[in-house]
Protein backbone atom coordinates (compact mmCIF):
# COMPACT_ATOMS: atom_id res chain seq x y z
CA MET A 1 -9.89 42.86 -7.45
CA ALA A 2 -8.19 39.86 -9.11
CA ILE A 3 -4.89 38.78 -7.73
CA LEU A 4 -2.07 36.84 -9.68
CA TYR A 5 -0.58 33.94 -7.46
CA HIS A 6 2.94 33.44 -8.14
CA ILE A 7 3.83 30.05 -7.01
CA THR A 8 7.83 29.58 -6.50
CA GLN A 9 8.09 26.31 -4.35
CA ILE A 10 6.32 23.15 -3.92
CA LEU A 11 3.44 23.57 -1.90
CA THR A 12 2.31 21.03 1.00
CA ALA A 13 -0.83 19.67 1.30
CA ASN A 14 -2.04 22.59 3.64
CA GLU A 15 -0.77 25.21 1.54
CA GLN A 16 -2.62 23.81 -1.29
CA THR A 17 -5.93 23.75 0.56
CA GLU A 18 -5.32 27.18 1.67
CA LEU A 19 -4.50 28.36 -1.97
CA ASN A 20 -7.61 26.82 -2.68
CA ALA A 21 -9.75 28.58 -0.40
CA LEU A 22 -8.08 31.84 -1.32
CA LEU A 23 -8.88 31.57 -5.32
CA ASN A 24 -11.74 33.68 -6.63
CA LYS A 25 -13.03 33.23 -10.12
CA ASP A 26 -11.02 36.09 -11.67
CA ASP A 27 -7.64 35.07 -10.05
CA ALA A 28 -4.96 33.14 -11.71
CA ILE A 29 -1.59 31.07 -10.89
CA ILE A 30 1.55 31.14 -12.57
CA PHE A 31 4.13 28.17 -11.42
CA THR A 32 7.80 29.21 -11.97
CA GLN A 33 11.19 27.78 -10.32
CA ASP A 34 10.44 24.93 -8.30
CA GLY A 35 6.46 25.29 -8.21
CA VAL A 36 6.13 23.88 -11.63
CA TYR A 37 6.61 20.46 -9.47
CA ASN A 38 2.83 21.29 -8.19
CA GLN A 39 -0.17 19.44 -9.69
CA PHE A 40 -2.80 22.06 -9.38
CA ASP A 41 -5.38 22.10 -12.08
CA THR A 42 -8.24 23.22 -9.99
CA CYS A 43 -8.02 26.68 -11.16
CA ALA A 44 -9.13 27.44 -14.73
CA LYS A 45 -6.23 29.95 -14.83
CA SER A 46 -3.13 27.75 -14.04
CA HIS A 47 0.17 28.71 -15.95
CA TYR A 48 3.41 27.14 -15.90
CA LEU A 49 6.58 28.65 -17.27
CA ILE A 50 7.79 26.57 -20.23
CA GLN A 51 11.49 27.00 -19.35
CA ASP A 52 11.38 26.02 -15.71
CA LEU A 53 9.28 22.74 -17.22
CA THR A 54 11.94 21.89 -19.70
CA SER A 55 14.96 22.72 -17.39
CA ARG A 56 13.53 20.08 -14.70
CA ALA A 57 12.94 17.71 -17.53
CA ILE A 58 9.06 17.56 -16.60
CA THR A 59 6.98 16.30 -19.31
CA LYS A 60 3.62 16.28 -17.58
CA GLN A 61 0.80 17.67 -19.27
CA VAL A 62 -0.26 21.21 -18.21
CA LYS A 63 -3.09 23.09 -19.22
CA THR A 64 -1.03 26.63 -19.98
CA SER A 65 2.63 26.56 -20.61
CA ILE A 66 3.89 29.98 -21.17
CA ASN A 67 7.20 31.96 -21.98
CA TYR A 68 8.88 34.64 -20.46
CA THR A 69 7.23 37.28 -23.06
CA GLU A 70 3.65 35.91 -22.13
CA LEU A 71 4.71 35.76 -18.27
CA GLY A 72 5.21 39.62 -18.43
CA GLN A 73 1.90 40.21 -20.30
CA LEU A 74 0.27 38.09 -17.63
CA PHE A 75 1.37 40.32 -14.54
CA ALA A 76 0.41 43.35 -16.63
CA GLN A 77 -3.28 42.00 -16.84
CA PHE A 78 -3.42 42.09 -13.01
CA GLN A 79 -3.55 44.68 -10.45
CA ALA A 80 -1.88 42.82 -7.60
CA SER A 81 0.20 39.57 -7.20
CA LEU A 82 1.21 37.65 -4.35
CA LYS A 83 4.30 35.39 -4.37
CA TRP A 84 4.26 32.19 -2.53
């Protein structure tokens, strides 16, 4: 079963390692709130909430930035989600 990992905080190096170990090929990650500060491009399905990037004046290049409508659609695609 694919899992959507919802990251809302800055991950430590140990937490990033743990998340990497948990990820399967069908999983995805959504970074919101302070989670957008993470540089985590090892997952092909990494998404960043554009409103949180903008409100924090983050201009880094990310693979995929999504809005709130797309966030809802993303959650609907997964049977399970796990918030960090």
